[in-house]
PDB file of N, CA and C in Angstrom:
ATOM      1  N   MET A   1       1.669 -11.566 -30.774  1.00  0.00           N
ATOM      2  CA  MET A   1       0.604 -11.156 -29.879  1.00  0.00           C
ATOM      3  C   MET A   1       1.172 -10.932 -28.478  1.00  0.00           C
ATOM      4  N   ARG A   2       0.878  -9.804 -27.906  1.00  0.00           N
ATOM      5  CA  ARG A   2       1.364  -9.441 -26.574  1.00  0.00           C
ATOM      6  C   ARG A   2       0.515 -10.130 -25.514  1.00  0.00           C
ATOM      7  N   ARG A   3       1.191 -10.690 -24.504  1.00  0.00           N
ATOM      8  CA  ARG A   3       0.479 -11.295 -23.383  1.00  0.00           C
ATOM      9  C   ARG A   3       0.042 -10.217 -22.408  1.00  0.00           C
ATOM     10  N   VAL A   4      -1.155 -10.358 -21.871  1.00  0.00           N
ATOM     11  CA  VAL A   4      -1.721  -9.402 -20.926  1.00  0.00           C
ATOM     12  C   VAL A   4      -2.058 -10.149 -19.639  1.00  0.00           C
ATOM     13  N   ARG A   5      -1.530  -9.630 -18.518  1.00  0.00           N
ATOM     14  CA  ARG A   5      -1.831 -10.244 -17.222  1.00  0.00           C
ATOM     15  C   ARG A   5      -3.263  -9.908 -16.833  1.00  0.00           C
ATOM     16  N   HIS A   6      -3.988 -10.936 -16.418  1.00  0.00           N
ATOM     17  CA  HIS A   6      -5.383 -10.751 -16.046  1.00  0.00           C
ATOM     18  C   HIS A   6      -5.758 -11.887 -15.094  1.00  0.00           C
ATOM     19  N   GLY A   7      -6.342 -11.541 -13.935  1.00  0.00           N
ATOM     20  CA  GLY A   7      -6.673 -12.537 -12.919  1.00  0.00           C
ATOM     21  C   GLY A   7      -5.712 -12.417 -11.749  1.00  0.00           C
ATOM     22  N   ASN A   8      -5.442 -13.518 -11.062  1.00  0.00           N
ATOM     23  CA  ASN A   8      -4.521 -13.511  -9.924  1.00  0.00           C
ATOM     24  C   ASN A   8      -3.130 -13.905 -10.387  1.00  0.00           C
ATOM     25  N   GLY A   9      -2.109 -13.272  -9.774  1.00  0.00           N
ATOM     26  CA  GLY A   9      -0.757 -13.617 -10.176  1.00  0.00           C
ATOM     27  C   GLY A   9       0.300 -13.021  -9.277  1.00  0.00           C
ATOM     28  N   LEU A  10       1.534 -13.305  -9.639  1.00  0.00           N
ATOM     29  CA  LEU A  10       2.722 -12.879  -8.892  1.00  0.00           C
ATOM     30  C   LEU A  10       3.668 -12.196  -9.854  1.00  0.00           C
ATOM     31  N   GLN A  11       4.240 -11.063  -9.441  1.00  0.00           N
ATOM     32  CA  GLN A  11       5.235 -10.375 -10.247  1.00  0.00           C
ATOM     33  C   GLN A  11       6.434 -10.052  -9.368  1.00  0.00           C
ATOM     34  N   LEU A  12       7.615 -10.349  -9.863  1.00  0.00           N
ATOM     35  CA  LEU A  12       8.877  -9.962  -9.225  1.00  0.00           C
ATOM     36  C   LEU A  12       9.539  -8.961 -10.145  1.00  0.00           C
ATOM     37  N   TYR A  13      10.027  -7.854  -9.591  1.00  0.00           N
ATOM     38  CA  TYR A  13      10.674  -6.855 -10.429  1.00  0.00           C
ATOM     39  C   TYR A  13      11.676  -6.063  -9.599  1.00  0.00           C
ATOM     40  N   GLY A  14      12.597  -5.415 -10.270  1.00  0.00           N
ATOM     41  CA  GLY A  14      13.626  -4.637  -9.610  1.00  0.00           C
ATOM     42  C   GLY A  14      14.992  -5.211  -9.881  1.00  0.00           C
ATOM     43  N   LYS A  15      16.022  -4.654  -9.241  1.00  0.00           N
ATOM     44  CA  LYS A  15      17.390  -5.119  -9.412  1.00  0.00           C
ATOM     45  C   LYS A  15      17.604  -6.431  -8.673  1.00  0.00           C
ATOM     46  N   MET A  16      18.350  -7.317  -9.259  1.00  0.00           N
ATOM     47  CA  MET A  16      18.628  -8.608  -8.645  1.00  0.00           C
ATOM     48  C   MET A  16      20.008  -8.644  -7.974  1.00  0.00           C
ATOM     49  N   GLN A  17      20.926  -7.750  -8.328  1.00  0.00           N
ATOM     50  CA  GLN A  17      22.303  -7.804  -7.842  1.00  0.00           C
ATOM     51  C   GLN A  17      22.412  -7.746  -6.324  1.00  0.00           C
ATOM     52  N   ASN A  18      21.749  -6.823  -5.711  1.00  0.00           N
ATOM     53  CA  ASN A  18      21.831  -6.638  -4.256  1.00  0.00           C
ATOM     54  C   ASN A  18      20.577  -7.138  -3.556  1.00  0.00           C
ATOM     55  N   ASP A  19      19.884  -8.057  -4.179  1.00  0.00           N
ATOM     56  CA  ASP A  19      18.611  -8.547  -3.665  1.00  0.00           C
ATOM     57  C   ASP A  19      17.574  -7.440  -3.538  1.00  0.00           C
ATOM     58  N   ASP A  20      17.778  -6.335  -4.289  1.00  0.00           N
ATOM     59  CA  ASP A  20      16.782  -5.262  -4.314  1.00  0.00           C
ATOM     60  C   ASP A  20      15.673  -5.698  -5.255  1.00  0.00           C
ATOM     61  N   ILE A  21      14.651  -6.261  -4.708  1.00  0.00           N
ATOM     62  CA  ILE A  21      13.577  -6.772  -5.545  1.00  0.00           C
ATOM     63  C   ILE A  21      12.230  -6.452  -4.919  1.00  0.00           C
ATOM     64  N   CYS A  22      11.276  -6.149  -5.744  1.00  0.00           N
ATOM     65  CA  CYS A  22       9.907  -5.918  -5.306  1.00  0.00           C
ATOM     66  C   CYS A  22       9.091  -7.145  -5.679  1.00  0.00           C
ATOM     67  N   ARG A  23       8.021  -7.342  -4.937  1.00  0.00           N
ATOM     68  CA  ARG A  23       7.134  -8.470  -5.217  1.00  0.00           C
ATOM     69  C   ARG A  23       5.697  -7.998  -5.071  1.00  0.00           C
ATOM     70  N   TYR A  24       4.870  -8.392  -6.018  1.00  0.00           N
ATOM     71  CA  TYR A  24       3.435  -8.107  -5.954  1.00  0.00           C
ATOM     72  C   TYR A  24       2.697  -9.418  -6.127  1.00  0.00           C
ATOM     73  N   GLU A  25       1.782  -9.682  -5.214  1.00  0.00           N
ATOM     74  CA  GLU A  25       0.913 -10.855  -5.295  1.00  0.00           C
ATOM     75  C   GLU A  25      -0.510 -10.352  -5.227  1.00  0.00           C
ATOM     76  N   GLY A  26      -1.294 -10.650  -6.257  1.00  0.00           N
ATOM     77  CA  GLY A  26      -2.675 -10.202  -6.211  1.00  0.00           C
ATOM     78  C   GLY A  26      -3.359 -10.208  -7.549  1.00  0.00           C
ATOM     79  N   GLN A  27      -4.359  -9.353  -7.643  1.00  0.00           N
ATOM     80  CA  GLN A  27      -5.224  -9.328  -8.811  1.00  0.00           C
ATOM     81  C   GLN A  27      -4.708  -8.374  -9.884  1.00  0.00           C
ATOM     82  N   TRP A  28      -4.955  -8.782 -11.130  1.00  0.00           N
ATOM     83  CA  TRP A  28      -4.579  -8.011 -12.312  1.00  0.00           C
ATOM     84  C   TRP A  28      -5.821  -7.822 -13.171  1.00  0.00           C
ATOM     85  N   GLU A  29      -5.881  -6.670 -13.819  1.00  0.00           N
ATOM     86  CA  GLU A  29      -6.939  -6.429 -14.789  1.00  0.00           C
ATOM     87  C   GLU A  29      -6.319  -5.707 -15.978  1.00  0.00           C
ATOM     88  N   LEU A  30      -6.371  -6.346 -17.125  1.00  0.00           N
ATOM     89  CA  LEU A  30      -5.817  -5.778 -18.363  1.00  0.00           C
ATOM     90  C   LEU A  30      -4.387  -5.277 -18.177  1.00  0.00           C
ATOM     91  N   ASP A  31      -3.548  -6.117 -17.567  1.00  0.00           N
ATOM     92  CA  ASP A  31      -2.109  -5.894 -17.378  1.00  0.00           C
ATOM     93  C   ASP A  31      -1.763  -4.837 -16.332  1.00  0.00           C
ATOM     94  N   LYS A  32      -2.728  -4.468 -15.484  1.00  0.00           N
ATOM     95  CA  LYS A  32      -2.455  -3.503 -14.413  1.00  0.00           C
ATOM     96  C   LYS A  32      -2.874  -4.088 -13.082  1.00  0.00           C
ATOM     97  N   ARG A  33      -2.099  -3.760 -12.030  1.00  0.00           N
ATOM     98  CA  ARG A  33      -2.473  -4.186 -10.682  1.00  0.00           C
ATOM     99  C   ARG A  33      -3.774  -3.477 -10.321  1.00  0.00           C
ATOM    100  N   THR A  34      -4.853  -4.229 -10.274  1.00  0.00           N
ATOM    101  CA  THR A  34      -6.174  -3.689  -9.968  1.00  0.00           C
ATOM    102  C   THR A  34      -6.932  -4.742  -9.172  1.00  0.00           C
ATOM    103  N   GLY A  35      -7.452  -4.336  -8.008  1.00  0.00           N
ATOM    104  CA  GLY A  35      -8.126  -5.264  -7.104  1.00  0.00           C
ATOM    105  C   GLY A  35      -7.314  -5.407  -5.829  1.00  0.00           C
ATOM    106  N   ARG A  36      -7.468  -6.521  -5.145  1.00  0.00           N
ATOM    107  CA  ARG A  36      -6.759  -6.760  -3.877  1.00  0.00           C
ATOM    108  C   ARG A  36      -5.372  -7.331  -4.149  1.00  0.00           C
ATOM    109  N   GLY A  37      -4.398  -6.890  -3.373  1.00  0.00           N
ATOM    110  CA  GLY A  37      -3.059  -7.417  -3.534  1.00  0.00           C
ATOM    111  C   GLY A  37      -2.157  -7.037  -2.379  1.00  0.00           C
ATOM    112  N   VAL A  38      -0.941  -7.586  -2.421  1.00  0.00           N
ATOM    113  CA  VAL A  38       0.088  -7.287  -1.428  1.00  0.00           C
ATOM    114  C   VAL A  38       1.367  -6.953  -2.177  1.00  0.00           C
ATOM    115  N   ALA A  39       1.993  -5.828  -1.828  1.00  0.00           N
ATOM    116  CA  ALA A  39       3.253  -5.409  -2.438  1.00  0.00           C
ATOM    117  C   ALA A  39       4.332  -5.375  -1.364  1.00  0.00           C
ATOM    118  N   TYR A  40       5.460  -5.994  -1.664  1.00  0.00           N
ATOM    119  CA  TYR A  40       6.626  -6.022  -0.778  1.00  0.00           C
ATOM    120  C   TYR A  40       7.729  -5.221  -1.454  1.00  0.00           C
ATOM    121  N   PHE A  41       8.348  -4.299  -0.718  1.00  0.00           N
ATOM    122  CA  PHE A  41       9.347  -3.409  -1.282  1.00  0.00           C
ATOM    123  C   PHE A  41      10.741  -3.747  -0.749  1.00  0.00           C
ATOM    124  N   PRO A  42      11.814  -3.391  -1.499  1.00  0.00           N
ATOM    125  CA  PRO A  42      13.183  -3.761  -1.107  1.00  0.00           C
ATOM    126  C   PRO A  42      13.611  -3.237   0.259  1.00  0.00           C
ATOM    127  N   ASP A  43      13.034  -2.119   0.707  1.00  0.00           N
ATOM    128  CA  ASP A  43      13.428  -1.561   2.008  1.00  0.00           C
ATOM    129  C   ASP A  43      12.735  -2.251   3.176  1.00  0.00           C
ATOM    130  N   GLY A  44      11.929  -3.282   2.882  1.00  0.00           N
ATOM    131  CA  GLY A  44      11.259  -4.032   3.938  1.00  0.00           C
ATOM    132  C   GLY A  44       9.844  -3.575   4.230  1.00  0.00           C
ATOM    133  N   THR A  45       9.392  -2.489   3.609  1.00  0.00           N
ATOM    134  CA  THR A  45       8.026  -2.035   3.808  1.00  0.00           C
ATOM    135  C   THR A  45       7.067  -2.918   3.016  1.00  0.00           C
ATOM    136  N   LYS A  46       5.785  -2.855   3.398  1.00  0.00           N
ATOM    137  CA  LYS A  46       4.776  -3.714   2.777  1.00  0.00           C
ATOM    138  C   LYS A  46       3.448  -2.977   2.736  1.00  0.00           C
ATOM    139  N   TYR A  47       2.706  -3.200   1.663  1.00  0.00           N
ATOM    140  CA  TYR A  47       1.350  -2.670   1.544  1.00  0.00           C
ATOM    141  C   TYR A  47       0.416  -3.825   1.231  1.00  0.00           C
ATOM    142  N   ALA A  48      -0.713  -3.875   1.929  1.00  0.00           N
ATOM    143  CA  ALA A  48      -1.739  -4.889   1.671  1.00  0.00           C
ATOM    144  C   ALA A  48      -3.078  -4.180   1.544  1.00  0.00           C
ATOM    145  N   GLY A  49      -3.714  -4.358   0.394  1.00  0.00           N
ATOM    146  CA  GLY A  49      -5.005  -3.713   0.205  1.00  0.00           C
ATOM    147  C   GLY A  49      -5.377  -3.576  -1.247  1.00  0.00           C
ATOM    148  N   ASP A  50      -6.087  -2.490  -1.539  1.00  0.00           N
ATOM    149  CA  ASP A  50      -6.629  -2.262  -2.873  1.00  0.00           C
ATOM    150  C   ASP A  50      -5.639  -1.533  -3.780  1.00  0.00           C
ATOM    151  N   PHE A  51      -5.720  -1.896  -5.058  1.00  0.00           N
ATOM    152  CA  PHE A  51      -4.951  -1.239  -6.109  1.00  0.00           C
ATOM    153  C   PHE A  51      -5.916  -0.851  -7.221  1.00  0.00           C
ATOM    154  N   LEU A  52      -5.555   0.201  -7.971  1.00  0.00           N
ATOM    155  CA  LEU A  52      -6.318   0.601  -9.143  1.00  0.00           C
ATOM    156  C   LEU A  52      -5.343   1.136 -10.185  1.00  0.00           C
ATOM    157  N   ASN A  53      -5.300   0.495 -11.340  1.00  0.00           N
ATOM    158  CA  ASN A  53      -4.417   0.918 -12.442  1.00  0.00           C
ATOM    159  C   ASN A  53      -2.970   1.117 -11.987  1.00  0.00           C
ATOM    160  N   ASN A  54      -2.455   0.165 -11.226  1.00  0.00           N
ATOM    161  CA  ASN A  54      -1.077   0.138 -10.704  1.00  0.00           C
ATOM    162  C   ASN A  54      -0.827   1.072  -9.518  1.00  0.00           C
ATOM    163  N   TYR A  55      -1.834   1.790  -9.058  1.00  0.00           N
ATOM    164  CA  TYR A  55      -1.684   2.668  -7.894  1.00  0.00           C
ATOM    165  C   TYR A  55      -2.247   1.994  -6.652  1.00  0.00           C
ATOM    166  N   ILE A  56      -1.661   2.328  -5.489  1.00  0.00           N
ATOM    167  CA  ILE A  56      -2.284   2.009  -4.209  1.00  0.00           C
ATOM    168  C   ILE A  56      -3.503   2.924  -4.136  1.00  0.00           C
ATOM    169  N   HIS A  57      -4.698   2.329  -4.088  1.00  0.00           N
ATOM    170  CA  HIS A  57      -5.908   3.138  -4.189  1.00  0.00           C
ATOM    171  C   HIS A  57      -7.082   2.352  -3.606  1.00  0.00           C
ATOM    172  N   GLY A  58      -7.779   2.941  -2.637  1.00  0.00           N
ATOM    173  CA  GLY A  58      -8.888   2.270  -1.972  1.00  0.00           C
ATOM    174  C   GLY A  58      -8.578   2.116  -0.492  1.00  0.00           C
ATOM    175  N   LEU A  59      -8.876   0.949   0.055  1.00  0.00           N
ATOM    176  CA  LEU A  59      -8.595   0.669   1.469  1.00  0.00           C
ATOM    177  C   LEU A  59      -7.381  -0.231   1.585  1.00  0.00           C
ATOM    178  N   GLY A  60      -6.511   0.072   2.556  1.00  0.00           N
ATOM    179  CA  GLY A  60      -5.361  -0.788   2.749  1.00  0.00           C
ATOM    180  C   GLY A  60      -4.512  -0.383   3.934  1.00  0.00           C
ATOM    181  N   GLN A  61      -3.483  -1.201   4.176  1.00  0.00           N
ATOM    182  CA  GLN A  61      -2.556  -0.976   5.281  1.00  0.00           C
ATOM    183  C   GLN A  61      -1.138  -0.920   4.745  1.00  0.00           C
ATOM    184  N   PHE A  62      -0.377   0.047   5.246  1.00  0.00           N
ATOM    185  CA  PHE A  62       1.036   0.170   4.899  1.00  0.00           C
ATOM    186  C   PHE A  62       1.846  -0.052   6.166  1.00  0.00           C
ATOM    187  N   PHE A  63       2.845  -0.915   6.071  1.00  0.00           N
ATOM    188  CA  PHE A  63       3.675  -1.288   7.224  1.00  0.00           C
ATOM    189  C   PHE A  63       5.114  -0.843   6.970  1.00  0.00           C
ATOM    190  N   TRP A  64       5.644   0.020   7.848  1.00  0.00           N
ATOM    191  CA  TRP A  64       7.029   0.449   7.759  1.00  0.00           C
ATOM    192  C   TRP A  64       7.885  -0.456   8.634  1.00  0.00           C
ATOM    193  N   THR A  65       9.156  -0.553   8.326  1.00  0.00           N
ATOM    194  CA  THR A  65      10.073  -1.387   9.120  1.00  0.00           C
ATOM    195  C   THR A  65      10.293  -0.808  10.514  1.00  0.00           C
ATOM    196  N   THR A  66       9.980   0.448  10.715  1.00  0.00           N
ATOM    197  CA  THR A  66      10.121   1.104  12.020  1.00  0.00           C
ATOM    198  C   THR A  66       9.027   0.699  12.990  1.00  0.00           C
ATOM    199  N   GLY A  67       7.982   0.024  12.474  1.00  0.00           N
ATOM    200  CA  GLY A  67       6.859  -0.368  13.309  1.00  0.00           C
ATOM    201  C   GLY A  67       5.643   0.513  13.138  1.00  0.00           C
ATOM    202  N   HIS A  68       5.746   1.589  12.375  1.00  0.00           N
ATOM    203  CA  HIS A  68       4.598   2.444  12.083  1.00  0.00           C
ATOM    204  C   HIS A  68       3.653   1.711  11.133  1.00  0.00           C
ATOM    205  N   VAL A  69       2.344   1.938  11.304  1.00  0.00           N
ATOM    206  CA  VAL A  69       1.340   1.315  10.428  1.00  0.00           C
ATOM    207  C   VAL A  69       0.243   2.329  10.143  1.00  0.00           C
ATOM    208  N   TYR A  70      -0.086   2.467   8.856  1.00  0.00           N
ATOM    209  CA  TYR A  70      -1.243   3.278   8.475  1.00  0.00           C
ATOM    210  C   TYR A  70      -2.300   2.340   7.922  1.00  0.00           C
ATOM    211  N   SER A  71      -3.515   2.464   8.430  1.00  0.00           N
ATOM    212  CA  SER A  71      -4.665   1.689   7.951  1.00  0.00           C
ATOM    213  C   SER A  71      -5.748   2.673   7.566  1.00  0.00           C
ATOM    214  N   GLY A  72      -6.186   2.584   6.328  1.00  0.00           N
ATOM    215  CA  GLY A  72      -7.248   3.490   5.923  1.00  0.00           C
ATOM    216  C   GLY A  72      -7.347   3.662   4.437  1.00  0.00           C
ATOM    217  N   GLU A  73      -7.833   4.845   4.057  1.00  0.00           N
ATOM    218  CA  GLU A  73      -8.108   5.135   2.657  1.00  0.00           C
ATOM    219  C   GLU A  73      -6.879   5.704   1.947  1.00  0.00           C
ATOM    220  N   TRP A  74      -6.765   5.325   0.674  1.00  0.00           N
ATOM    221  CA  TRP A  74      -5.683   5.765  -0.195  1.00  0.00           C
ATOM    222  C   TRP A  74      -6.276   6.310  -1.485  1.00  0.00           C
ATOM    223  N   VAL A  75      -5.656   7.358  -2.019  1.00  0.00           N
ATOM    224  CA  VAL A  75      -6.053   7.902  -3.317  1.00  0.00           C
ATOM    225  C   VAL A  75      -4.789   8.058  -4.152  1.00  0.00           C
ATOM    226  N   PHE A  76      -4.685   7.248  -5.188  1.00  0.00           N
ATOM    227  CA  PHE A  76      -3.556   7.268  -6.118  1.00  0.00           C
ATOM    228  C   PHE A  76      -2.201   7.370  -5.413  1.00  0.00           C
ATOM    229  N   GLY A  77      -1.981   6.457  -4.464  1.00  0.00           N
ATOM    230  CA  GLY A  77      -0.687   6.333  -3.799  1.00  0.00           C
ATOM    231  C   GLY A  77      -0.483   7.207  -2.580  1.00  0.00           C
ATOM    232  N   ARG A  78      -1.483   7.974  -2.193  1.00  0.00           N
ATOM    233  CA  ARG A  78      -1.361   8.871  -1.043  1.00  0.00           C
ATOM    234  C   ARG A  78      -2.364   8.500   0.046  1.00  0.00           C
ATOM    235  N   MET A  79      -1.952   8.663   1.304  1.00  0.00           N
ATOM    236  CA  MET A  79      -2.889   8.521   2.415  1.00  0.00           C
ATOM    237  C   MET A  79      -3.870   9.678   2.283  1.00  0.00           C
ATOM    238  N   GLU A  80      -5.119   9.351   1.988  1.00  0.00           N
ATOM    239  CA  GLU A  80      -6.104  10.403   1.766  1.00  0.00           C
ATOM    240  C   GLU A  80      -7.484   9.865   2.083  1.00  0.00           C
ATOM    241  N   GLY A  81      -8.120  10.458   3.081  1.00  0.00           N
ATOM    242  CA  GLY A  81      -9.424  10.006   3.551  1.00  0.00           C
ATOM    243  C   GLY A  81      -9.328   9.610   5.012  1.00  0.00           C
ATOM    244  N   ASN A  82     -10.279   8.823   5.483  1.00  0.00           N
ATOM    245  CA  ASN A  82     -10.288   8.379   6.879  1.00  0.00           C
ATOM    246  C   ASN A  82      -9.234   7.304   7.102  1.00  0.00           C
ATOM    247  N   GLY A  83      -8.521   7.432   8.221  1.00  0.00           N
ATOM    248  CA  GLY A  83      -7.502   6.443   8.507  1.00  0.00           C
ATOM    249  C   GLY A  83      -7.014   6.495   9.940  1.00  0.00           C
ATOM    250  N   GLU A  84      -6.166   5.533  10.248  1.00  0.00           N
ATOM    251  CA  GLU A  84      -5.521   5.428  11.560  1.00  0.00           C
ATOM    252  C   GLU A  84      -4.026   5.287  11.345  1.00  0.00           C
ATOM    253  N   PHE A  85      -3.266   6.021  12.124  1.00  0.00           N
ATOM    254  CA  PHE A  85      -1.809   5.918  12.067  1.00  0.00           C
ATOM    255  C   PHE A  85      -1.325   5.440  13.429  1.00  0.00           C
ATOM    256  N   MET A  86      -0.681   4.281  13.442  1.00  0.00           N
ATOM    257  CA  MET A  86      -0.200   3.677  14.691  1.00  0.00           C
ATOM    258  C   MET A  86       1.317   3.857  14.793  1.00  0.00           C
ATOM    259  N   TYR A  87       1.762   4.343  15.935  1.00  0.00           N
ATOM    260  CA  TYR A  87       3.191   4.496  16.222  1.00  0.00           C
ATOM    261  C   TYR A  87       3.713   3.225  16.885  1.00  0.00           C
ATOM    262  N   PRO A  88       5.014   2.965  16.816  1.00  0.00           N
ATOM    263  CA  PRO A  88       5.572   1.769  17.453  1.00  0.00           C
ATOM    264  C   PRO A  88       5.280   1.693  18.951  1.00  0.00           C
ATOM    265  N   SER A  89       5.091   2.840  19.591  1.00  0.00           N
ATOM    266  CA  SER A  89       4.799   2.892  21.027  1.00  0.00           C
ATOM    267  C   SER A  89       3.383   2.408  21.346  1.00  0.00           C
ATOM    268  N   GLY A  90       2.547   2.280  20.310  1.00  0.00           N
ATOM    269  CA  GLY A  90       1.151   1.911  20.521  1.00  0.00           C
ATOM    270  C   GLY A  90       0.220   3.101  20.444  1.00  0.00           C
ATOM    271  N   ARG A  91       0.776   4.303  20.442  1.00  0.00           N
ATOM    272  CA  ARG A  91      -0.039   5.515  20.304  1.00  0.00           C
ATOM    273  C   ARG A  91      -0.689   5.514  18.927  1.00  0.00           C
ATOM    274  N   MET A  92      -1.955   5.922  18.876  1.00  0.00           N
ATOM    275  CA  MET A  92      -2.682   5.908  17.619  1.00  0.00           C
ATOM    276  C   MET A  92      -3.369   7.239  17.382  1.00  0.00           C
ATOM    277  N   ILE A  93      -3.344   7.678  16.146  1.00  0.00           N
ATOM    278  CA  ILE A  93      -4.092   8.861  15.734  1.00  0.00           C
ATOM    279  C   ILE A  93      -5.104   8.411  14.693  1.00  0.00           C
ATOM    280  N   LYS A  94      -6.366   8.773  14.918  1.00  0.00           N
ATOM    281  CA  LYS A  94      -7.433   8.481  13.957  1.00  0.00           C
ATOM    282  C   LYS A  94      -7.934   9.808  13.429  1.00  0.00           C
ATOM    283  N   GLY A  95      -8.185   9.855  12.143  1.00  0.00           N
ATOM    284  CA  GLY A  95      -8.712  11.093  11.595  1.00  0.00           C
ATOM    285  C   GLY A  95      -8.728  11.105  10.094  1.00  0.00           C
ATOM    286  N   TYR A  96      -8.709  12.303   9.562  1.00  0.00           N
ATOM    287  CA  TYR A  96      -8.774  12.501   8.119  1.00  0.00           C
ATOM    288  C   TYR A  96      -7.404  12.919   7.610  1.00  0.00           C
ATOM    289  N   PHE A  97      -6.968  12.274   6.551  1.00  0.00           N
ATOM    290  CA  PHE A  97      -5.674  12.542   5.949  1.00  0.00           C
ATOM    291  C   PHE A  97      -5.879  13.158   4.579  1.00  0.00           C
ATOM    292  N   LEU A  98      -4.970  14.045   4.188  1.00  0.00           N
ATOM    293  CA  LEU A  98      -5.000  14.651   2.867  1.00  0.00           C
ATOM    294  C   LEU A  98      -3.565  14.779   2.380  1.00  0.00           C
ATOM    295  N   ASP A  99      -3.272  14.176   1.241  1.00  0.00           N
ATOM    296  CA  ASP A  99      -1.930  14.232   0.640  1.00  0.00           C
ATOM    297  C   ASP A  99      -0.846  13.802   1.633  1.00  0.00           C
ATOM    298  N   ASN A 100      -1.060  12.662   2.299  1.00  0.00           N
ATOM    299  CA  ASN A 100      -0.115  12.054   3.252  1.00  0.00           C
ATOM    300  C   ASN A 100       0.047  12.815   4.560  1.00  0.00           C
ATOM    301  N   SER A 101      -0.833  13.746   4.863  1.00  0.00           N
ATOM    302  CA  SER A 101      -0.722  14.522   6.103  1.00  0.00           C
ATOM    303  C   SER A 101      -2.022  14.465   6.892  1.00  0.00           C
ATOM    304  N   PHE A 102      -1.904  14.617   8.207  1.00  0.00           N
ATOM    305  CA  PHE A 102      -3.084  14.715   9.064  1.00  0.00           C
ATOM    306  C   PHE A 102      -3.775  16.036   8.794  1.00  0.00           C
ATOM    307  N   VAL A 103      -5.091  16.006   8.678  1.00  0.00           N
ATOM    308  CA  VAL A 103      -5.837  17.229   8.485  1.00  0.00           C
ATOM    309  C   VAL A 103      -6.746  17.461   9.680  1.00  0.00           C
ATOM    310  N   ASP A 104      -7.488  16.441  10.057  1.00  0.00           N
ATOM    311  CA  ASP A 104      -8.451  16.549  11.135  1.00  0.00           C
ATOM    312  C   ASP A 104      -8.306  15.325  12.018  1.00  0.00           C
ATOM    313  N   VAL A 105      -7.745  15.492  13.194  1.00  0.00           N
ATOM    314  CA  VAL A 105      -7.538  14.375  14.097  1.00  0.00           C
ATOM    315  C   VAL A 105      -8.800  14.179  14.926  1.00  0.00           C
ATOM    316  N   LEU A 106      -9.327  12.965  14.894  1.00  0.00           N
ATOM    317  CA  LEU A 106     -10.543  12.652  15.635  1.00  0.00           C
ATOM    318  C   LEU A 106     -10.237  12.175  17.052  1.00  0.00           C
ATOM    319  N   PHE A 107      -9.285  11.271  17.200  1.00  0.00           N
ATOM    320  CA  PHE A 107      -8.963  10.715  18.504  1.00  0.00           C
ATOM    321  C   PHE A 107      -7.459  10.577  18.662  1.00  0.00           C
ATOM    322  N   LEU A 108      -6.997  10.790  19.852  1.00  0.00           N
ATOM    323  CA  LEU A 108      -5.593  10.547  20.197  1.00  0.00           C
ATOM    324  C   LEU A 108      -5.572   9.520  21.305  1.00  0.00           C
ATOM    325  N   TYR A 109      -4.783   8.458  21.145  1.00  0.00           N
ATOM    326  CA  TYR A 109      -4.665   7.426  22.173  1.00  0.00           C
ATOM    327  C   TYR A 109      -3.253   7.371  22.665  1.00  0.00           C
TER     328      TYR A 109
END
C-alpha cells in the first residue's frame, strides 16, 4: 500500500552533495502541496503562501536574495493578478500582473 501525504508536514528534496536542497513546510492534500505553506529553494529564495496541486497558486509572497519581494496573486506558478513588487531601494509598483510581467501599473512609489 502506497503512503499518501495528507495534512501538515515537512518535505526535504533535492541534491544533498552541495547542500542543494529544497524544503517545503505546510499543508498536503492527497500527496500534493495544497493549502498554505512555505517553500525554501537552494538559491536562497523563499515563497510563503498558497499552493494548489504542487503549484504556487493563490495569494503569497516571493522573496529573492537580492531583496526584491512580490506580494500578490499567483496562477500556476506565475505572478498573475493584483500584486505589489518591492525593489531593494524601497520603490514599489502596485498593479496587475500577467504571466510574470507588469500589465497595468496602478501606483509608483
